[in-house]
Protein backbone atom coordinates (compact mmCIF):
# COMPACT_ATOMS: atom_id res chain seq x y z
CA MET A 1 -17.79 -16.91 -67.34
CA ARG A 2 -16.53 -20.10 -68.94
CA LEU A 3 -12.98 -21.45 -68.94
CA ALA A 4 -12.00 -22.66 -72.39
CA VAL A 5 -8.94 -23.90 -74.25
CA ARG A 6 -7.58 -22.98 -77.67
CA ASP A 7 -8.00 -25.84 -80.12
CA ASN A 8 -4.38 -25.66 -81.30
CA LEU A 9 -3.18 -26.73 -77.84
CA VAL A 10 -5.43 -29.78 -77.89
CA PHE A 11 -4.24 -30.68 -81.37
CA LYS A 12 -0.64 -30.51 -80.12
CA LEU A 13 -1.48 -32.82 -77.22
CA LEU A 14 -2.93 -35.24 -79.76
CA GLY A 15 0.20 -34.95 -81.92
CA ARG A 16 -1.83 -33.61 -84.81
CA PRO A 17 -1.37 -30.49 -86.96
CA HIS A 18 -3.98 -27.78 -86.91
CA PRO A 19 -6.37 -28.66 -89.75
CA ILE A 20 -7.96 -26.58 -92.48
CA GLU A 21 -10.83 -28.90 -93.42
CA LEU A 22 -13.80 -29.01 -91.05
CA SER A 23 -13.42 -32.78 -90.76
CA GLY A 24 -10.36 -32.15 -88.55
CA TRP A 25 -12.56 -30.94 -85.69
CA ASP A 26 -13.62 -34.46 -84.83
CA THR A 27 -14.62 -36.81 -82.02
CA GLN A 28 -11.00 -37.29 -80.94
CA LEU A 29 -10.57 -33.54 -80.43
CA ALA A 30 -13.86 -33.19 -78.57
CA ALA A 31 -13.09 -36.18 -76.34
CA LYS A 32 -9.59 -34.89 -75.50
CA THR A 33 -10.97 -31.45 -74.62
CA ALA A 34 -13.47 -33.06 -72.24
CA GLU A 35 -10.74 -35.31 -70.78
CA LEU A 36 -8.69 -32.20 -69.93
CA GLY A 37 -11.65 -30.91 -67.93
CA PHE A 38 -12.67 -28.06 -70.24
CA ARG A 39 -16.33 -27.48 -71.03
CA ALA A 40 -15.63 -24.97 -73.79
CA ILE A 41 -13.18 -24.62 -76.66
CA GLU A 42 -12.06 -21.80 -78.94
CA VAL A 43 -11.77 -22.90 -82.56
CA GLY A 44 -9.51 -21.26 -85.11
CA LEU A 45 -10.82 -21.72 -88.63
CA SER A 46 -8.67 -20.71 -91.60
CA GLY A 47 -10.32 -22.50 -94.51
CA ASN A 48 -12.58 -20.99 -97.13
CA PRO A 49 -15.87 -20.11 -95.37
CA ALA A 50 -17.73 -20.71 -98.64
CA GLU A 51 -16.76 -24.37 -98.24
CA MET A 52 -18.25 -24.56 -94.73
CA PRO A 53 -21.95 -25.33 -95.25
CA THR A 54 -24.41 -24.69 -92.47
CA ALA A 55 -25.33 -28.37 -92.10
CA LYS A 56 -21.71 -29.41 -91.48
CA LEU A 57 -21.17 -26.61 -88.97
CA ILE A 58 -24.27 -27.60 -87.03
CA ASP A 59 -23.05 -31.21 -87.02
CA MET A 60 -19.70 -30.02 -85.66
CA ARG A 61 -21.43 -28.08 -82.90
CA ARG A 62 -23.50 -31.14 -81.95
CA LEU A 63 -20.44 -33.40 -81.97
CA PHE A 64 -18.75 -31.25 -79.32
CA ALA A 65 -21.98 -30.87 -77.35
CA ASP A 66 -22.27 -34.66 -77.19
CA HIS A 67 -19.00 -34.61 -75.23
CA GLY A 68 -20.17 -31.81 -72.92
CA VAL A 69 -18.05 -29.19 -74.70
CA ALA A 70 -19.40 -25.92 -76.11
CA ILE A 71 -17.72 -24.09 -78.96
CA GLY A 72 -17.33 -20.95 -76.92
CA GLN A 73 -15.68 -18.58 -79.34
CA MET A 74 -14.01 -18.53 -82.74
CA TRP A 75 -10.74 -17.15 -84.07
CA SER A 76 -10.94 -15.43 -87.46
CA GLU A 77 -7.17 -15.21 -87.87
CA ALA A 78 -7.29 -15.64 -91.65
CA SER A 79 -9.11 -12.32 -92.16
CA PRO A 80 -6.90 -9.54 -90.72
CA LEU A 81 -8.52 -6.16 -91.25
CA LEU A 82 -5.35 -4.13 -91.78
CA ARG A 83 -3.37 -5.11 -94.87
CA ALA A 84 -0.53 -3.77 -97.00
CA THR A 85 -2.83 -2.83 -99.91
CA GLU A 86 -6.42 -1.65 -100.19
CA LYS A 87 -7.28 -4.62 -102.41
CA GLU A 88 -6.05 -7.03 -99.72
CA ARG A 89 -7.91 -5.14 -97.01
CA ARG A 90 -11.21 -5.35 -98.86
CA ALA A 91 -10.70 -9.05 -99.56
CA SER A 92 -10.00 -9.69 -95.85
CA LEU A 93 -13.05 -7.69 -94.87
CA ASP A 94 -15.25 -9.78 -97.17
CA ARG A 95 -13.77 -12.95 -95.71
CA PHE A 96 -14.35 -11.73 -92.16
CA CYS A 97 -18.01 -11.06 -92.95
CA GLU A 98 -18.33 -14.61 -94.32
CA TYR A 99 -16.75 -16.00 -91.15
CA MET A 100 -19.45 -14.36 -89.06
CA ARG A 101 -22.01 -16.57 -90.81
CA VAL A 102 -19.81 -19.53 -89.87
CA ALA A 103 -19.80 -18.37 -86.24
CA ARG A 104 -23.58 -18.11 -86.20
CA ASP A 105 -23.92 -21.65 -87.53
CA LEU A 106 -21.53 -22.91 -84.84
CA GLY A 107 -23.59 -21.19 -82.16
CA VAL A 108 -20.69 -18.84 -81.36
CA VAL A 109 -21.34 -15.28 -80.21
CA ASN A 110 -17.78 -13.95 -79.90
CA VAL A 111 -15.59 -13.80 -83.01
CA VAL A 112 -11.97 -12.89 -82.26
CA VAL A 113 -10.42 -11.13 -85.24
CA ALA A 114 -6.78 -10.47 -86.08
CA LEU A 115 -6.14 -6.76 -86.56
CA GLY A 116 -3.39 -7.22 -89.15
CA THR A 117 -0.60 -4.90 -90.16
CA PHE A 118 0.75 -2.89 -93.09
CA HIS A 119 3.60 -5.42 -93.34
CA ALA A 120 3.71 -6.99 -96.80
CA THR A 121 4.22 -10.65 -95.86
CA SER A 122 3.05 -11.13 -92.25
CA HIS A 123 -0.27 -10.60 -90.49
CA TRP A 124 1.54 -10.01 -87.18
CA ALA A 125 4.81 -8.20 -87.91
CA ARG A 126 5.55 -4.65 -86.84
CA HIS A 127 5.36 -1.81 -89.35
CA PRO A 128 6.11 1.88 -88.69
CA ASP A 129 2.65 2.91 -89.91
CA ASN A 130 0.74 0.48 -87.66
CA TRP A 131 0.35 3.18 -85.00
CA SER A 132 -0.67 5.95 -87.39
CA GLU A 133 -4.05 7.64 -87.52
CA ARG A 134 -4.46 6.17 -91.00
CA ALA A 135 -4.26 2.69 -89.50
CA MET A 136 -6.90 3.54 -86.91
CA ASP A 137 -9.14 5.12 -89.55
CA LEU A 138 -8.94 2.00 -91.71
CA LEU A 139 -9.79 -0.26 -88.78
CA VAL A 140 -12.78 1.92 -87.92
CA ALA A 141 -13.93 1.81 -91.54
CA SER A 142 -13.58 -1.98 -91.69
CA PHE A 143 -15.46 -2.61 -88.45
CA ARG A 144 -18.18 -0.14 -89.43
CA ALA A 145 -18.59 -1.97 -92.74
CA ALA A 146 -18.76 -5.35 -90.99
CA ALA A 147 -21.06 -4.20 -88.19
CA PRO A 148 -24.39 -4.65 -90.04
CA VAL A 149 -23.40 -8.25 -90.86
CA ALA A 150 -22.41 -8.93 -87.24
CA GLU A 151 -25.64 -7.42 -85.95
CA ASP A 152 -27.69 -9.45 -88.43
CA MET A 153 -25.89 -12.68 -87.50
CA GLY A 154 -26.14 -11.99 -83.79
CA VAL A 155 -22.38 -12.17 -83.19
CA HIS A 156 -19.79 -9.89 -81.64
CA MET A 157 -16.60 -8.60 -83.29
CA ALA A 158 -13.73 -8.74 -80.80
CA PRO A 159 -10.27 -7.63 -81.98
CA GLU A 160 -7.16 -9.28 -80.59
CA CYS A 161 -5.11 -6.32 -79.30
CA TYR A 162 -1.34 -6.25 -78.79
CA ARG A 163 1.54 -3.80 -78.66
CA ALA A 164 2.57 -4.10 -82.33
CA SER A 165 -0.99 -3.44 -83.52
CA PRO A 166 -2.83 -0.13 -83.93
CA LEU A 167 -4.70 -1.01 -80.71
CA ASN A 168 -1.58 -0.89 -78.56
CA SER A 169 -3.21 0.56 -75.45
CA PRO A 170 -6.56 0.27 -73.66
CA TRP A 171 -7.28 3.89 -74.54
CA ARG A 172 -6.93 3.15 -78.27
CA VAL A 173 -9.32 0.21 -77.83
CA ARG A 174 -11.86 2.52 -76.20
CA GLN A 175 -11.51 4.97 -79.09
CA LEU A 176 -12.20 2.23 -81.64
CA ILE A 177 -15.29 0.94 -79.83
CA SER A 178 -16.68 4.47 -79.49
CA ARG A 179 -16.04 5.37 -83.12
CA VAL A 180 -17.51 2.17 -84.55
CA ASN A 181 -20.58 2.69 -82.33
CA SER A 182 -22.21 -0.71 -82.89
CA PRO A 183 -23.79 -3.07 -80.35
CA ALA A 184 -21.77 -5.81 -82.04
CA MET A 185 -18.42 -4.14 -81.27
CA ARG A 186 -16.50 -5.75 -78.42
CA VAL A 187 -12.90 -6.46 -77.42
CA ASN A 188 -11.08 -9.68 -76.64
CA VAL A 189 -9.30 -9.14 -73.32
CA ASP A 190 -5.77 -10.46 -73.66
CA ALA A 191 -4.29 -8.53 -70.75
CA ALA A 192 -0.83 -10.04 -71.12
CA ASN A 193 -0.56 -8.48 -74.59
CA MET A 194 -1.07 -5.00 -73.15
CA ILE A 195 1.36 -5.01 -70.23
CA ARG A 196 4.38 -2.75 -70.66
CA PHE A 197 7.80 -3.47 -69.21
CA ASP A 198 7.38 -0.83 -66.48
CA GLN A 199 4.09 -2.50 -65.43
CA VAL A 200 5.34 -6.08 -65.09
CA TYR A 201 5.89 -5.85 -61.33
CA ASP A 202 2.66 -3.94 -60.66
CA THR A 203 0.06 -5.35 -63.01
CA THR A 204 -2.84 -4.56 -60.68
CA ALA A 205 -2.97 -0.88 -61.58
CA ALA A 206 -2.60 -1.66 -65.28
CA LEU A 207 -5.41 -4.22 -65.17
CA ASN A 208 -7.77 -1.88 -63.34
CA LYS A 209 -7.12 0.87 -65.88
CA LEU A 210 -7.71 -1.58 -68.73
CA PHE A 211 -11.02 -2.82 -67.34
CA ASP A 212 -12.11 0.73 -66.48
CA LEU A 213 -11.72 1.66 -70.15
CA TYR A 214 -13.22 -1.52 -71.59
CA GLY A 215 -16.34 -1.30 -69.45
CA ARG A 216 -18.88 -3.94 -70.41
CA ASP A 217 -17.74 -4.10 -74.04
CA ILE A 218 -15.91 -7.40 -73.44
CA GLY A 219 -16.60 -10.29 -75.78
CA GLY A 220 -14.16 -12.82 -74.33
CA GLY A 221 -10.58 -13.19 -73.28
CA HIS A 222 -7.30 -15.08 -73.45
CA ALA A 223 -5.55 -16.38 -70.36
CA LYS A 224 -1.76 -16.28 -70.20
CA ASP A 225 0.85 -14.46 -68.13
CA VAL A 226 3.80 -12.06 -68.40
CA THR A 227 7.39 -12.22 -67.27
CA ILE A 228 10.75 -10.68 -68.08
CA PRO A 229 14.06 -12.48 -68.59
CA GLU A 230 16.11 -12.94 -65.44
CA GLU A 231 19.34 -11.98 -67.15
CA PRO A 232 19.78 -8.17 -67.04
CA THR A 233 19.89 -6.28 -70.33
CA LEU A 234 19.87 -2.62 -71.29
CA ILE A 235 16.85 -3.10 -73.55
CA GLU A 236 14.25 -5.09 -71.63
CA THR A 237 11.51 -7.21 -73.19
CA VAL A 238 8.22 -8.50 -71.81
CA ARG A 239 7.67 -12.18 -72.54
CA GLU A 240 4.52 -14.25 -72.35
CA THR A 241 4.24 -17.43 -70.35
CA TYR A 242 1.49 -19.70 -69.08
CA ALA A 243 -0.96 -18.52 -66.43
CA GLY A 244 0.56 -18.77 -62.98
CA ASN A 245 4.15 -18.63 -64.19
CA GLY A 246 4.42 -14.85 -64.28
CA THR A 247 3.39 -11.67 -62.48
CA LEU A 248 -0.12 -11.00 -63.79
CA ASP A 249 -2.53 -10.33 -60.92
CA TYR A 250 -5.02 -13.09 -61.73
CA ALA A 251 -7.23 -12.34 -58.75
CA THR A 252 -7.93 -8.86 -60.13
CA PHE A 253 -8.11 -10.13 -63.70
CA LEU A 254 -10.68 -12.81 -62.93
CA ARG A 255 -12.78 -10.63 -60.62
CA ARG A 256 -13.12 -7.87 -63.15
CA PHE A 257 -13.58 -10.16 -66.14
CA ASP A 258 -16.38 -11.99 -64.33
CA ALA A 259 -18.05 -8.72 -63.32
CA GLN A 260 -17.87 -7.04 -66.72
CA ALA A 261 -18.11 -9.76 -69.37
CA ALA A 262 -21.31 -11.58 -70.30
CA PRO A 263 -22.08 -14.61 -68.08
CA ASP A 264 -21.26 -17.03 -70.92
CA ALA A 265 -18.13 -15.21 -72.10
CA CYS A 266 -15.09 -17.47 -72.54
CA LEU A 267 -11.67 -17.03 -71.00
CA CYS A 268 -9.42 -19.21 -73.14
CA VAL A 269 -6.14 -20.79 -72.05
CA GLU A 270 -3.69 -20.22 -74.90
CA HIS A 271 -0.07 -19.90 -76.04
CA ASN A 272 1.18 -22.61 -73.69
CA THR A 273 3.32 -25.58 -74.40
CA PRO A 274 1.04 -28.64 -74.31
CA GLU A 275 2.44 -29.78 -70.97
CA ASP A 276 1.51 -26.41 -69.40
CA VAL A 277 -2.19 -26.60 -70.27
CA VAL A 278 -3.27 -28.46 -67.14
CA PRO A 279 -1.07 -26.43 -64.69
CA ALA A 280 -2.44 -23.21 -66.21
CA LYS A 281 -6.02 -24.44 -65.92
CA GLU A 282 -5.53 -25.57 -62.34
CA TYR A 283 -3.92 -22.27 -61.36
CA ILE A 284 -6.77 -20.23 -62.84
CA GLU A 285 -9.36 -22.42 -61.14
CA ARG A 286 -7.52 -22.16 -57.82
CA ILE A 287 -7.41 -18.35 -57.93
CA ALA A 288 -11.04 -18.21 -59.03
CA GLY A 289 -12.01 -20.41 -56.09
CA LYS A 290 -10.21 -18.14 -53.63
CA GLU A 291 -12.15 -15.20 -55.08
CA GLY A 292 -15.47 -17.02 -54.83
CA LEU A 293 -15.86 -17.21 -58.60
CA VAL A 294 -17.37 -20.22 -60.35
CA PHE A 295 -16.85 -21.21 -63.98
CA GLN A 296 -19.91 -22.41 -65.84
C-alpha cells in the first residue's frame, strides 16, 4: 500500500485555492508534496474533462514523477451519480465516464466517485429518499452503465461511502458491488465515514465486519479518525478528526487494508487542517511500523 495526501491539503499549506485548470497542478504543488514526505497524491479534478487533453495529462503525470510523487488516485467529485432529476443524473454519468479517460491518461487506476443525493442544490446533503431502494437501483444502473468504460480504460470505480448516502453501511456496499458485477467495481474505504455512535469506543469489531464484507474489492482508502464531543448531549454526533486524534483502531485498519487492497492501493490522508497533515502522517507510519507494515 501507498500513503498519499489529498491535493486540497497541500494547496492549503501553500496558501492557494484549489484550482480548476490543469495548470494549477504544478511544480510548486509537486515539490511541496515531496517535501512533506509523501510519495503519492490524490488529485481532485472538477474542470471539464473535454478540456483536459491527453498530452497535458501525461505532462502532469511526468511533472509529479520528476519529484518522486505518483498520482495515486483521483477524485471525481464533480460527477455525482445520484441527482435530483433524471436529466442531471444522466449528465453526471456522462461526465464520470469522461473522467475515467482522464484517469487513464494520468496513470491512475482508482477513481473515487461521489455518490450524490436527491437533494436539489447539494451533492452531499441528506434527503429522505437517499436510503430508498430507488436510490440503490439508480446507483446500480449508473455503475452498470459506466462499467464497460471503466473496464476499457483499465480503471476502477470506487464510491465514497458515508452515512447520509445510499451506501450507509458495509452491507449496502457489498450489495452494490454484487449487483453491478464488474471487475472494475471497487469501494473506497473511508472507515471513519461508516462508524456509528455506538461503535466509537469499540471500532475494532466494526472495522473487522467492514473488511469482511468488502473482501478484496478495495480500490483505495481515506485516512482520518472519529471522535465524539466531550460535552454530554441527549442526541450524540460522531465527528471526524485527523488520524491519531480519535478512537479508530488504526492497527486493525492498516493490517486489513494492507492484506486486502492491491499492493499499490493508496491510503490518503484527508480532511485535516493543514497543520495536522504531518502529525497524521507520522501517526499512521508509527502504527504501521509497529505492525510490521511498510508503505511503498
